[in-house]
Amino acid sequence: MQSEMILFHDHAIMIIMGIFVLVSFIGFLLLRSSYSSRRVHEAQTLEILWTILPALLLVTLALPSLRLLYLLDEQPLSTKNVLKVMGHQWYWSYENPYFQNEMFDSYMTPESELTLGEYRLLEVDKRVVLPVGIDTSVIATSVDVIHAWALPSMGLKMDSVPGRLNMMTLNPLITGVFYGQCSEICGANHAFMPIVVETIPLSIYNKMN
């Protein structure tokens, strides 16, 4: 899914840059032009063009956007992994029935306990571990106020609402460590509940299980 979002981002940026270059070029030509007219003349062809062309550009943005919107809501028929996420003031707790069936809390690592190479305000004492290449259904909820479980680098942002279950599918493509934060203002320590997901090869994941 994250690859689809990156492709749509690149597609939209190319269209926006094309519009910017065209408008800048026309503006430059108008500034350099020595021609002027005090009368308004009709130009039906020009009016048709500058109505149809922007409409076509909007369509080229809308169709991929709608496709991506529906893809985000799709759920695989057979999910091989499940991650349950619960938001608290102000930390996250996780449960993974397919991975040692463990439930754990994840707190931000204090600055005094950080080691070389760890990020301030982003590192946690216990990371979520997910396998690469298989679908993982992430189910999010909250036990107190509204939170939001967000991993921008994976193209995932999901509200954690008390009394409600929200679900999205995550399929990591590469191994690595991905950082995120709560993106819903949830109280005084909203900025101190980071998210860290570590993705590992499926073979290693199975050995750890």
N, C-alpha and C. Protein backbone atom coordinates (compact mmCIF):
# COMPACT_ATOMS: atom_id res chain seq x y z
N MET A 1 0.82 -1.20 0.00
CA MET A 1 0.00 0.00 0.00
C MET A 1 0.87 1.27 0.00
N GLN A 2 1.97 1.22 0.78
CA GLN A 2 2.82 2.40 0.83
C GLN A 2 3.43 2.73 -0.53
N SER A 3 3.68 1.70 -1.35
CA SER A 3 4.21 1.95 -2.69
C SER A 3 3.17 2.65 -3.56
N GLU A 4 1.90 2.27 -3.40
CA GLU A 4 0.83 2.93 -4.15
C GLU A 4 0.72 4.41 -3.76
N MET A 5 0.88 4.70 -2.48
CA MET A 5 0.79 6.09 -2.02
C MET A 5 1.97 6.91 -2.53
N ILE A 6 3.15 6.29 -2.58
CA ILE A 6 4.32 7.00 -3.10
C ILE A 6 4.14 7.30 -4.59
N LEU A 7 3.60 6.34 -5.34
CA LEU A 7 3.35 6.56 -6.77
C LEU A 7 2.33 7.67 -7.00
N PHE A 8 1.28 7.69 -6.19
CA PHE A 8 0.28 8.76 -6.34
C PHE A 8 0.88 10.12 -5.97
N HIS A 9 1.72 10.13 -4.94
CA HIS A 9 2.40 11.38 -4.56
C HIS A 9 3.25 11.90 -5.71
N ASP A 10 4.03 11.02 -6.33
CA ASP A 10 4.87 11.43 -7.46
C ASP A 10 4.03 11.91 -8.63
N HIS A 11 2.92 11.21 -8.88
CA HIS A 11 2.00 11.60 -9.96
C HIS A 11 1.44 13.01 -9.73
N ALA A 12 0.99 13.28 -8.50
CA ALA A 12 0.42 14.58 -8.18
C ALA A 12 1.48 15.68 -8.25
N ILE A 13 2.69 15.39 -7.77
CA ILE A 13 3.75 16.39 -7.79
C ILE A 13 4.13 16.77 -9.23
N MET A 14 4.16 15.78 -10.13
CA MET A 14 4.49 16.07 -11.53
C MET A 14 3.45 17.01 -12.16
N ILE A 15 2.16 16.76 -11.87
CA ILE A 15 1.11 17.62 -12.41
C ILE A 15 1.21 19.03 -11.82
N ILE A 16 1.43 19.12 -10.52
CA ILE A 16 1.53 20.43 -9.86
C ILE A 16 2.73 21.21 -10.38
N MET A 17 3.86 20.53 -10.56
CA MET A 17 5.04 21.22 -11.07
C MET A 17 4.83 21.68 -12.51
N GLY A 18 4.14 20.87 -13.31
CA GLY A 18 3.83 21.27 -14.68
C GLY A 18 2.97 22.52 -14.73
N ILE A 19 1.95 22.58 -13.85
CA ILE A 19 1.09 23.76 -13.79
C ILE A 19 1.90 24.99 -13.34
N PHE A 20 2.75 24.80 -12.35
CA PHE A 20 3.55 25.92 -11.84
C PHE A 20 4.48 26.48 -12.92
N VAL A 21 5.14 25.58 -13.66
CA VAL A 21 6.06 26.03 -14.72
C VAL A 21 5.30 26.75 -15.82
N LEU A 22 4.13 26.21 -16.22
CA LEU A 22 3.35 26.83 -17.29
C LEU A 22 2.86 28.22 -16.88
N VAL A 23 2.29 28.35 -15.68
CA VAL A 23 1.78 29.64 -15.22
C VAL A 23 2.93 30.65 -15.06
N SER A 24 4.07 30.19 -14.55
CA SER A 24 5.22 31.09 -14.40
C SER A 24 5.71 31.57 -15.76
N PHE A 25 5.73 30.67 -16.74
CA PHE A 25 6.20 31.05 -18.08
C PHE A 25 5.25 32.06 -18.73
N ILE A 26 3.94 31.82 -18.60
CA ILE A 26 2.97 32.76 -19.16
C ILE A 26 3.06 34.11 -18.46
N GLY A 27 3.21 34.09 -17.13
CA GLY A 27 3.35 35.35 -16.40
C GLY A 27 4.59 36.12 -16.81
N PHE A 28 5.68 35.40 -17.04
CA PHE A 28 6.92 36.05 -17.50
C PHE A 28 6.72 36.69 -18.88
N LEU A 29 6.04 35.97 -19.78
CA LEU A 29 5.79 36.53 -21.12
C LEU A 29 4.90 37.77 -21.05
N LEU A 30 3.90 37.75 -20.15
CA LEU A 30 3.02 38.91 -20.03
C LEU A 30 3.77 40.13 -19.48
N LEU A 31 4.69 39.88 -18.55
CA LEU A 31 5.47 40.98 -18.00
C LEU A 31 6.42 41.58 -19.03
N ARG A 32 6.93 40.74 -19.91
CA ARG A 32 7.86 41.22 -20.94
C ARG A 32 7.15 41.78 -22.16
N SER A 33 5.84 41.57 -22.26
CA SER A 33 5.13 42.00 -23.47
C SER A 33 4.92 43.52 -23.46
N SER A 34 5.08 44.14 -24.61
CA SER A 34 4.86 45.59 -24.74
C SER A 34 3.49 45.91 -25.32
N TYR A 35 2.71 44.87 -25.60
CA TYR A 35 1.38 45.08 -26.17
C TYR A 35 0.38 45.34 -25.05
N SER A 36 -0.57 46.22 -25.29
CA SER A 36 -1.63 46.50 -24.33
C SER A 36 -2.90 46.87 -25.08
N SER A 37 -4.04 46.68 -24.41
CA SER A 37 -5.32 47.00 -25.03
C SER A 37 -6.28 47.49 -23.96
N ARG A 38 -7.02 48.54 -24.30
CA ARG A 38 -8.00 49.07 -23.36
C ARG A 38 -9.36 48.43 -23.55
N ARG A 39 -9.50 47.63 -24.57
CA ARG A 39 -10.79 46.99 -24.86
C ARG A 39 -10.72 45.50 -24.56
N VAL A 40 -11.84 44.93 -24.13
CA VAL A 40 -11.93 43.50 -23.86
C VAL A 40 -12.49 42.82 -25.10
N HIS A 41 -11.76 41.87 -25.62
CA HIS A 41 -12.20 41.16 -26.81
C HIS A 41 -12.56 39.73 -26.43
N GLU A 42 -13.60 39.22 -27.04
CA GLU A 42 -14.00 37.84 -26.79
C GLU A 42 -12.98 36.88 -27.39
N ALA A 43 -12.77 35.80 -26.68
CA ALA A 43 -11.88 34.74 -27.18
C ALA A 43 -12.51 33.41 -26.75
N GLN A 44 -13.52 32.98 -27.48
CA GLN A 44 -14.28 31.79 -27.11
C GLN A 44 -13.38 30.55 -27.06
N THR A 45 -12.49 30.44 -28.04
CA THR A 45 -11.61 29.26 -28.06
C THR A 45 -10.72 29.19 -26.83
N LEU A 46 -10.17 30.34 -26.47
CA LEU A 46 -9.30 30.39 -25.30
C LEU A 46 -10.09 30.06 -24.03
N GLU A 47 -11.31 30.58 -23.91
CA GLU A 47 -12.12 30.30 -22.72
C GLU A 47 -12.47 28.82 -22.62
N ILE A 48 -12.74 28.20 -23.76
CA ILE A 48 -13.04 26.76 -23.76
C ILE A 48 -11.81 25.97 -23.31
N LEU A 49 -10.66 26.37 -23.83
CA LEU A 49 -9.43 25.66 -23.48
C LEU A 49 -9.11 25.76 -22.00
N TRP A 50 -9.19 26.99 -21.45
CA TRP A 50 -8.82 27.12 -20.04
C TRP A 50 -9.92 26.64 -19.09
N THR A 51 -11.03 26.19 -19.64
CA THR A 51 -12.04 25.49 -18.83
C THR A 51 -11.86 23.98 -18.90
N ILE A 52 -11.60 23.47 -20.10
CA ILE A 52 -11.50 22.02 -20.30
C ILE A 52 -10.19 21.47 -19.74
N LEU A 53 -9.07 22.15 -20.00
CA LEU A 53 -7.78 21.63 -19.56
C LEU A 53 -7.69 21.48 -18.03
N PRO A 54 -8.08 22.48 -17.23
CA PRO A 54 -8.06 22.25 -15.77
C PRO A 54 -8.99 21.12 -15.34
N ALA A 55 -10.14 20.98 -16.02
CA ALA A 55 -11.05 19.89 -15.67
C ALA A 55 -10.40 18.53 -15.93
N LEU A 56 -9.67 18.41 -17.05
CA LEU A 56 -8.98 17.15 -17.35
C LEU A 56 -7.87 16.87 -16.33
N LEU A 57 -7.17 17.93 -15.91
CA LEU A 57 -6.12 17.75 -14.89
C LEU A 57 -6.72 17.28 -13.57
N LEU A 58 -7.89 17.82 -13.21
CA LEU A 58 -8.55 17.38 -11.97
C LEU A 58 -8.98 15.92 -12.06
N VAL A 59 -9.42 15.50 -13.24
CA VAL A 59 -9.81 14.10 -13.42
C VAL A 59 -8.60 13.18 -13.26
N THR A 60 -7.46 13.59 -13.83
CA THR A 60 -6.25 12.77 -13.71
C THR A 60 -5.75 12.67 -12.26
N LEU A 61 -6.16 13.62 -11.41
CA LEU A 61 -5.85 13.53 -9.99
C LEU A 61 -6.92 12.76 -9.22
N ALA A 62 -8.18 12.94 -9.62
CA ALA A 62 -9.28 12.34 -8.86
C ALA A 62 -9.35 10.83 -9.02
N LEU A 63 -9.15 10.33 -10.25
CA LEU A 63 -9.31 8.89 -10.46
C LEU A 63 -8.28 8.06 -9.68
N PRO A 64 -6.98 8.36 -9.75
CA PRO A 64 -6.03 7.61 -8.91
C PRO A 64 -6.29 7.80 -7.42
N SER A 65 -6.77 8.99 -7.03
CA SER A 65 -7.04 9.25 -5.62
C SER A 65 -8.19 8.37 -5.12
N LEU A 66 -9.25 8.26 -5.91
CA LEU A 66 -10.38 7.41 -5.53
C LEU A 66 -9.97 5.94 -5.47
N ARG A 67 -9.15 5.51 -6.43
CA ARG A 67 -8.67 4.13 -6.42
C ARG A 67 -7.88 3.84 -5.15
N LEU A 68 -7.01 4.77 -4.78
CA LEU A 68 -6.20 4.59 -3.57
C LEU A 68 -7.07 4.60 -2.32
N LEU A 69 -8.12 5.42 -2.33
CA LEU A 69 -9.02 5.49 -1.19
C LEU A 69 -9.71 4.15 -0.95
N TYR A 70 -10.15 3.51 -2.02
CA TYR A 70 -10.80 2.20 -1.88
C TYR A 70 -9.79 1.11 -1.52
N LEU A 71 -8.57 1.22 -2.03
CA LEU A 71 -7.54 0.24 -1.67
C LEU A 71 -7.22 0.28 -0.18
N LEU A 72 -7.28 1.48 0.41
CA LEU A 72 -6.99 1.61 1.84
C LEU A 72 -8.02 0.87 2.69
N ASP A 73 -9.26 0.77 2.20
CA ASP A 73 -10.31 0.10 2.96
C ASP A 73 -10.39 -1.38 2.68
N GLU A 74 -9.65 -1.87 1.71
CA GLU A 74 -9.71 -3.29 1.39
C GLU A 74 -9.05 -4.12 2.49
N GLN A 75 -9.65 -5.25 2.76
CA GLN A 75 -9.08 -6.18 3.73
C GLN A 75 -8.85 -7.52 3.03
N PRO A 76 -7.69 -8.13 3.23
CA PRO A 76 -7.41 -9.42 2.58
C PRO A 76 -8.34 -10.51 3.10
N LEU A 77 -8.62 -11.49 2.25
CA LEU A 77 -9.52 -12.57 2.64
C LEU A 77 -8.91 -13.44 3.73
N SER A 78 -7.63 -13.65 3.67
CA SER A 78 -6.97 -14.48 4.69
C SER A 78 -5.78 -13.70 5.26
N THR A 79 -5.95 -13.19 6.47
CA THR A 79 -4.89 -12.45 7.14
C THR A 79 -4.05 -13.39 7.97
N LYS A 80 -2.74 -13.38 7.75
CA LYS A 80 -1.85 -14.29 8.46
C LYS A 80 -1.29 -13.72 9.75
N ASN A 81 -1.56 -12.44 10.00
CA ASN A 81 -1.02 -11.83 11.21
C ASN A 81 -1.97 -10.74 11.68
N VAL A 82 -2.07 -10.56 12.98
CA VAL A 82 -2.95 -9.55 13.57
C VAL A 82 -2.17 -8.79 14.64
N LEU A 83 -2.30 -7.47 14.62
CA LEU A 83 -1.69 -6.63 15.65
C LEU A 83 -2.79 -5.77 16.27
N LYS A 84 -3.00 -5.92 17.56
CA LYS A 84 -3.99 -5.12 18.26
C LYS A 84 -3.28 -3.96 18.95
N VAL A 85 -3.80 -2.75 18.72
CA VAL A 85 -3.19 -1.52 19.24
C VAL A 85 -4.19 -0.82 20.15
N MET A 86 -3.75 -0.45 21.35
CA MET A 86 -4.61 0.28 22.28
C MET A 86 -3.89 1.54 22.75
N GLY A 87 -4.55 2.67 22.62
CA GLY A 87 -3.97 3.93 23.05
C GLY A 87 -4.34 4.26 24.48
N HIS A 88 -3.37 4.76 25.22
CA HIS A 88 -3.57 5.18 26.61
C HIS A 88 -2.99 6.58 26.77
N GLN A 89 -3.37 7.25 27.83
CA GLN A 89 -2.70 8.49 28.19
C GLN A 89 -1.54 8.15 29.13
N TRP A 90 -0.27 8.15 28.64
CA TRP A 90 0.17 8.49 27.30
C TRP A 90 1.19 7.45 26.88
N TYR A 91 0.72 6.32 26.43
CA TYR A 91 1.57 5.24 25.93
C TYR A 91 0.70 4.32 25.08
N TRP A 92 1.35 3.39 24.41
CA TRP A 92 0.63 2.41 23.59
C TRP A 92 0.80 1.02 24.18
N SER A 93 -0.23 0.22 24.07
CA SER A 93 -0.11 -1.20 24.42
C SER A 93 -0.49 -2.02 23.21
N TYR A 94 0.18 -3.18 23.07
CA TYR A 94 0.03 -4.01 21.88
C TYR A 94 -0.24 -5.46 22.27
N GLU A 95 -0.93 -6.14 21.37
CA GLU A 95 -1.15 -7.58 21.52
C GLU A 95 -1.05 -8.22 20.14
N ASN A 96 -0.27 -9.28 20.07
CA ASN A 96 -0.07 -9.99 18.81
C ASN A 96 -0.33 -11.48 19.04
N PRO A 97 -1.55 -11.95 18.73
CA PRO A 97 -1.90 -13.34 19.01
C PRO A 97 -1.02 -14.35 18.27
N TYR A 98 -0.48 -13.97 17.10
CA TYR A 98 0.31 -14.89 16.31
C TYR A 98 1.80 -14.84 16.65
N PHE A 99 2.18 -13.91 17.53
CA PHE A 99 3.59 -13.78 17.91
C PHE A 99 3.71 -13.95 19.41
N GLN A 100 3.88 -15.18 19.84
CA GLN A 100 4.03 -15.53 21.26
C GLN A 100 2.82 -15.14 22.10
N ASN A 101 1.76 -14.68 21.43
CA ASN A 101 0.50 -14.31 22.10
C ASN A 101 0.77 -13.38 23.29
N GLU A 102 1.66 -12.43 23.08
CA GLU A 102 2.06 -11.55 24.18
C GLU A 102 1.36 -10.21 24.10
N MET A 103 1.17 -9.61 25.25
CA MET A 103 0.63 -8.26 25.35
C MET A 103 1.62 -7.43 26.14
N PHE A 104 1.99 -6.27 25.60
CA PHE A 104 3.01 -5.45 26.27
C PHE A 104 2.71 -3.98 26.09
N ASP A 105 3.25 -3.19 26.99
CA ASP A 105 3.14 -1.73 26.91
C ASP A 105 4.42 -1.18 26.29
N SER A 106 4.26 -0.09 25.55
CA SER A 106 5.40 0.54 24.88
C SER A 106 5.48 2.01 25.31
N TYR A 107 6.51 2.34 26.08
CA TYR A 107 6.71 3.69 26.58
C TYR A 107 7.89 4.36 25.87
N MET A 108 7.84 5.68 25.81
CA MET A 108 8.95 6.41 25.24
C MET A 108 10.19 6.25 26.12
N THR A 109 11.34 6.04 25.49
CA THR A 109 12.60 5.91 26.23
C THR A 109 13.05 7.28 26.73
N PRO A 110 13.29 7.43 28.03
CA PRO A 110 13.76 8.74 28.54
C PRO A 110 15.09 9.13 27.89
N GLU A 111 15.29 10.43 27.77
CA GLU A 111 16.51 10.93 27.11
C GLU A 111 17.77 10.45 27.81
N SER A 112 17.70 10.27 29.13
CA SER A 112 18.88 9.84 29.88
C SER A 112 19.25 8.39 29.60
N GLU A 113 18.34 7.61 29.04
CA GLU A 113 18.58 6.19 28.79
C GLU A 113 18.85 5.88 27.31
N LEU A 114 18.89 6.90 26.47
CA LEU A 114 19.13 6.69 25.04
C LEU A 114 20.58 6.25 24.81
N THR A 115 20.76 5.36 23.86
CA THR A 115 22.10 4.94 23.46
C THR A 115 22.46 5.59 22.13
N LEU A 116 23.71 5.43 21.72
CA LEU A 116 24.19 6.06 20.50
C LEU A 116 23.40 5.55 19.30
N GLY A 117 22.87 6.48 18.50
CA GLY A 117 22.11 6.12 17.31
C GLY A 117 20.61 6.11 17.50
N GLU A 118 20.13 6.21 18.74
CA GLU A 118 18.69 6.23 18.99
C GLU A 118 18.17 7.67 18.94
N TYR A 119 16.93 7.79 18.51
CA TYR A 119 16.35 9.11 18.29
C TYR A 119 15.63 9.62 19.53
N ARG A 120 15.89 10.86 19.86
CA ARG A 120 15.22 11.51 21.00
C ARG A 120 13.74 11.70 20.69
N LEU A 121 12.88 11.39 21.65
CA LEU A 121 11.43 11.53 21.58
C LEU A 121 10.77 10.54 20.61
N LEU A 122 11.56 9.65 20.01
CA LEU A 122 10.99 8.69 19.06
C LEU A 122 11.24 7.24 19.46
N GLU A 123 12.24 7.00 20.30
CA GLU A 123 12.58 5.63 20.65
C GLU A 123 11.69 5.15 21.80
N VAL A 124 11.41 3.84 21.82
CA VAL A 124 10.57 3.25 22.86
C VAL A 124 11.32 2.12 23.54
N ASP A 125 10.81 1.72 24.71
CA ASP A 125 11.49 0.66 25.45
C ASP A 125 11.23 -0.72 24.86
N LYS A 126 10.10 -0.88 24.13
CA LYS A 126 9.81 -2.16 23.50
C LYS A 126 9.13 -1.92 22.16
N ARG A 127 9.76 -2.42 21.09
CA ARG A 127 9.25 -2.19 19.74
C ARG A 127 8.25 -3.26 19.32
N VAL A 128 7.39 -2.88 18.37
CA VAL A 128 6.53 -3.85 17.70
C VAL A 128 7.35 -4.53 16.62
N VAL A 129 7.26 -5.85 16.55
CA VAL A 129 7.99 -6.62 15.53
C VAL A 129 6.99 -7.24 14.57
N LEU A 130 7.17 -6.97 13.27
CA LEU A 130 6.28 -7.50 12.24
C LEU A 130 7.10 -8.17 11.14
N PRO A 131 6.54 -9.18 10.50
CA PRO A 131 7.26 -9.85 9.41
C PRO A 131 7.08 -9.10 8.09
N VAL A 132 8.06 -9.26 7.22
CA VAL A 132 8.03 -8.64 5.90
C VAL A 132 7.32 -9.57 4.91
N GLY A 133 6.50 -8.96 4.04
CA GLY A 133 5.94 -9.71 2.93
C GLY A 133 4.62 -10.40 3.18
N ILE A 134 4.03 -10.25 4.36
CA ILE A 134 2.71 -10.84 4.58
C ILE A 134 1.79 -9.76 5.14
N ASP A 135 0.49 -9.97 4.93
CA ASP A 135 -0.51 -9.00 5.39
C ASP A 135 -0.67 -9.08 6.90
N THR A 136 -0.67 -7.91 7.52
CA THR A 136 -0.93 -7.80 8.96
C THR A 136 -2.11 -6.87 9.16
N SER A 137 -3.16 -7.37 9.79
CA SER A 137 -4.33 -6.54 10.10
C SER A 137 -4.07 -5.80 11.41
N VAL A 138 -4.03 -4.49 11.34
CA VAL A 138 -3.82 -3.66 12.52
C VAL A 138 -5.17 -3.18 13.02
N ILE A 139 -5.52 -3.56 14.24
CA ILE A 139 -6.80 -3.20 14.84
C ILE A 139 -6.52 -2.22 15.97
N ALA A 140 -7.10 -1.03 15.89
CA ALA A 140 -6.79 0.03 16.85
C ALA A 140 -8.02 0.45 17.63
N THR A 141 -7.81 0.72 18.90
CA THR A 141 -8.85 1.28 19.75
C THR A 141 -8.17 2.08 20.86
N SER A 142 -8.96 2.62 21.76
CA SER A 142 -8.42 3.42 22.86
C SER A 142 -9.18 3.09 24.14
N VAL A 143 -8.51 3.29 25.27
CA VAL A 143 -9.15 3.01 26.55
C VAL A 143 -9.57 4.29 27.28
N ASP A 144 -9.21 5.47 26.74
CA ASP A 144 -9.57 6.70 27.44
C ASP A 144 -10.07 7.78 26.48
N VAL A 145 -9.15 8.44 25.75
CA VAL A 145 -9.53 9.50 24.82
C VAL A 145 -9.13 9.09 23.40
N ILE A 146 -9.44 9.94 22.44
CA ILE A 146 -9.11 9.63 21.05
C ILE A 146 -7.62 9.82 20.81
N HIS A 147 -6.98 8.80 20.29
CA HIS A 147 -5.60 8.85 19.85
C HIS A 147 -5.56 8.57 18.35
N ALA A 148 -4.38 8.60 17.76
CA ALA A 148 -4.23 8.24 16.35
C ALA A 148 -2.90 7.54 16.17
N TRP A 149 -2.96 6.29 15.69
CA TRP A 149 -1.76 5.47 15.47
C TRP A 149 -1.28 5.75 14.05
N ALA A 150 -0.15 6.45 13.94
CA ALA A 150 0.30 6.92 12.63
C ALA A 150 1.74 6.50 12.36
N LEU A 151 1.94 5.90 11.19
CA LEU A 151 3.28 5.57 10.68
C LEU A 151 3.40 6.18 9.29
N PRO A 152 3.84 7.42 9.19
CA PRO A 152 3.88 8.09 7.88
C PRO A 152 4.69 7.36 6.83
N SER A 153 5.84 6.77 7.22
CA SER A 153 6.69 6.11 6.24
C SER A 153 6.07 4.84 5.69
N MET A 154 5.05 4.32 6.35
CA MET A 154 4.33 3.15 5.85
C MET A 154 2.97 3.53 5.27
N GLY A 155 2.69 4.82 5.22
CA GLY A 155 1.42 5.26 4.64
C GLY A 155 0.22 4.85 5.47
N LEU A 156 0.36 4.85 6.79
CA LEU A 156 -0.73 4.38 7.65
C LEU A 156 -1.03 5.41 8.73
N LYS A 157 -2.30 5.76 8.86
CA LYS A 157 -2.77 6.64 9.93
C LYS A 157 -4.18 6.22 10.29
N MET A 158 -4.38 5.86 11.54
CA MET A 158 -5.66 5.30 11.95
C MET A 158 -6.06 5.85 13.32
N ASP A 159 -7.30 6.34 13.41
CA ASP A 159 -7.78 6.84 14.69
C ASP A 159 -8.02 5.70 15.66
N SER A 160 -7.67 5.94 16.92
CA SER A 160 -7.95 4.99 18.00
C SER A 160 -9.03 5.62 18.87
N VAL A 161 -10.25 5.14 18.72
CA VAL A 161 -11.43 5.75 19.34
C VAL A 161 -11.96 4.83 20.44
N PRO A 162 -12.24 5.36 21.62
CA PRO A 162 -12.79 4.51 22.69
C PRO A 162 -14.10 3.85 22.27
N GLY A 163 -14.21 2.55 22.53
CA GLY A 163 -15.43 1.82 22.21
C GLY A 163 -15.61 1.48 20.76
N ARG A 164 -14.59 1.69 19.95
CA ARG A 164 -14.70 1.43 18.51
C ARG A 164 -13.43 0.77 18.02
N LEU A 165 -13.58 -0.18 17.08
CA LEU A 165 -12.43 -0.84 16.48
C LEU A 165 -12.25 -0.36 15.05
N ASN A 166 -11.08 0.18 14.76
CA ASN A 166 -10.71 0.55 13.39
C ASN A 166 -9.64 -0.41 12.90
N MET A 167 -9.71 -0.77 11.63
CA MET A 167 -8.78 -1.76 11.11
C MET A 167 -8.24 -1.34 9.76
N MET A 168 -6.94 -1.52 9.58
CA MET A 168 -6.27 -1.32 8.30
C MET A 168 -5.26 -2.44 8.10
N THR A 169 -4.91 -2.66 6.84
CA THR A 169 -3.95 -3.72 6.52
C THR A 169 -2.59 -3.14 6.24
N LEU A 170 -1.58 -3.78 6.80
CA LEU A 170 -0.20 -3.35 6.64
C LEU A 170 0.59 -4.50 6.03
N ASN A 171 1.34 -4.21 4.98
CA ASN A 171 2.18 -5.23 4.35
C ASN A 171 3.56 -4.63 4.10
N PRO A 172 4.48 -4.75 5.07
CA PRO A 172 5.82 -4.17 4.91
C PRO A 172 6.55 -4.80 3.73
N LEU A 173 7.24 -3.97 2.96
CA LEU A 173 7.97 -4.45 1.78
C LEU A 173 9.45 -4.63 2.05
N ILE A 174 9.99 -3.90 3.02
CA ILE A 174 11.42 -3.97 3.31
C ILE A 174 11.62 -4.10 4.81
N THR A 175 12.79 -4.61 5.18
CA THR A 175 13.13 -4.67 6.60
C THR A 175 13.64 -3.31 7.06
N GLY A 176 13.48 -3.06 8.35
CA GLY A 176 13.97 -1.79 8.89
C GLY A 176 13.20 -1.40 10.13
N VAL A 177 13.45 -0.19 10.58
CA VAL A 177 12.78 0.36 11.76
C VAL A 177 12.03 1.61 11.32
N PHE A 178 10.74 1.66 11.63
CA PHE A 178 9.86 2.74 11.20
C PHE A 178 9.31 3.46 12.42
N TYR A 179 9.35 4.79 12.37
CA TYR A 179 8.97 5.61 13.52
C TYR A 179 7.69 6.39 13.21
N GLY A 180 6.89 6.56 14.23
CA GLY A 180 5.67 7.35 14.11
C GLY A 180 5.32 7.95 15.46
N GLN A 181 4.24 8.70 15.48
CA GLN A 181 3.78 9.34 16.72
C GLN A 181 2.27 9.41 16.72
N CYS A 182 1.72 9.62 17.91
CA CYS A 182 0.28 9.88 17.99
C CYS A 182 0.00 11.20 17.28
N SER A 183 -0.97 11.19 16.37
CA SER A 183 -1.25 12.40 15.60
C SER A 183 -2.63 12.98 15.92
N GLU A 184 -3.13 12.69 17.10
CA GLU A 184 -4.37 13.30 17.58
C GLU A 184 -4.07 13.89 18.96
N ILE A 185 -4.34 15.17 19.12
CA ILE A 185 -4.03 15.83 20.39
C ILE A 185 -4.84 15.18 21.50
N CYS A 186 -4.14 14.51 22.42
CA CYS A 186 -4.82 13.66 23.40
C CYS A 186 -4.52 14.07 24.84
N GLY A 187 -3.91 15.20 25.03
CA GLY A 187 -3.65 15.65 26.39
C GLY A 187 -2.25 16.21 26.56
N ALA A 188 -1.85 16.38 27.81
CA ALA A 188 -0.60 17.08 28.13
C ALA A 188 0.62 16.39 27.56
N ASN A 189 0.65 15.06 27.57
CA ASN A 189 1.82 14.32 27.09
C ASN A 189 1.59 13.71 25.70
N HIS A 190 0.81 14.38 24.92
CA HIS A 190 0.52 13.90 23.56
C HIS A 190 1.79 13.69 22.74
N ALA A 191 2.78 14.55 22.92
CA ALA A 191 4.01 14.47 22.12
C ALA A 191 4.98 13.43 22.63
N PHE A 192 4.62 12.69 23.67
CA PHE A 192 5.56 11.75 24.28
C PHE A 192 5.04 10.31 24.24
N MET A 193 4.33 9.97 23.17
CA MET A 193 3.90 8.57 23.01
C MET A 193 4.23 8.12 21.58
N PRO A 194 5.52 7.90 21.30
CA PRO A 194 5.94 7.53 19.95
C PRO A 194 5.56 6.09 19.60
N ILE A 195 5.70 5.78 18.32
CA ILE A 195 5.41 4.44 17.78
C ILE A 195 6.65 3.97 17.04
N VAL A 196 7.07 2.75 17.33
CA VAL A 196 8.23 2.17 16.64
C VAL A 196 7.85 0.76 16.19
N VAL A 197 7.97 0.52 14.89
CA VAL A 197 7.70 -0.80 14.31
C VAL A 197 8.97 -1.29 13.63
N GLU A 198 9.41 -2.46 14.01
CA GLU A 198 10.58 -3.07 13.39
C GLU A 198 10.12 -4.24 12.52
N THR A 199 10.52 -4.23 11.27
CA THR A 199 10.15 -5.31 10.35
C THR A 199 11.36 -6.20 10.11
N ILE A 200 11.12 -7.50 10.15
CA ILE A 200 12.19 -8.48 10.00
C ILE A 200 11.77 -9.53 8.98
N PRO A 201 12.72 -10.29 8.43
CA PRO A 201 12.36 -11.36 7.48
C PRO A 201 11.46 -12.39 8.13
N LEU A 202 10.61 -13.00 7.31
CA LEU A 202 9.63 -13.96 7.82
C LEU A 202 10.32 -15.16 8.47
N SER A 203 11.46 -15.61 7.93
CA SER A 203 12.15 -16.75 8.49
C SER A 203 12.60 -16.47 9.93
N ILE A 204 13.13 -15.28 10.17
CA ILE A 204 13.56 -14.92 11.52
C ILE A 204 12.35 -14.75 12.43
N TYR A 205 11.29 -14.18 11.88
CA TYR A 205 10.06 -13.98 12.66
C TYR A 205 9.50 -15.32 13.13
N ASN A 206 9.51 -16.31 12.25
CA ASN A 206 9.00 -17.64 12.62
C ASN A 206 9.86 -18.29 13.69
N LYS A 207 11.16 -18.07 13.65
CA LYS A 207 12.05 -18.63 14.66
C LYS A 207 11.83 -17.98 16.02
N MET A 208 11.49 -16.70 16.02
CA MET A 208 11.25 -15.99 17.27
C MET A 208 9.91 -16.38 17.88
N ASN A 209 8.99 -16.87 17.05
CA ASN A 209 7.64 -17.16 17.50
C ASN A 209 7.59 -18.47 18.31
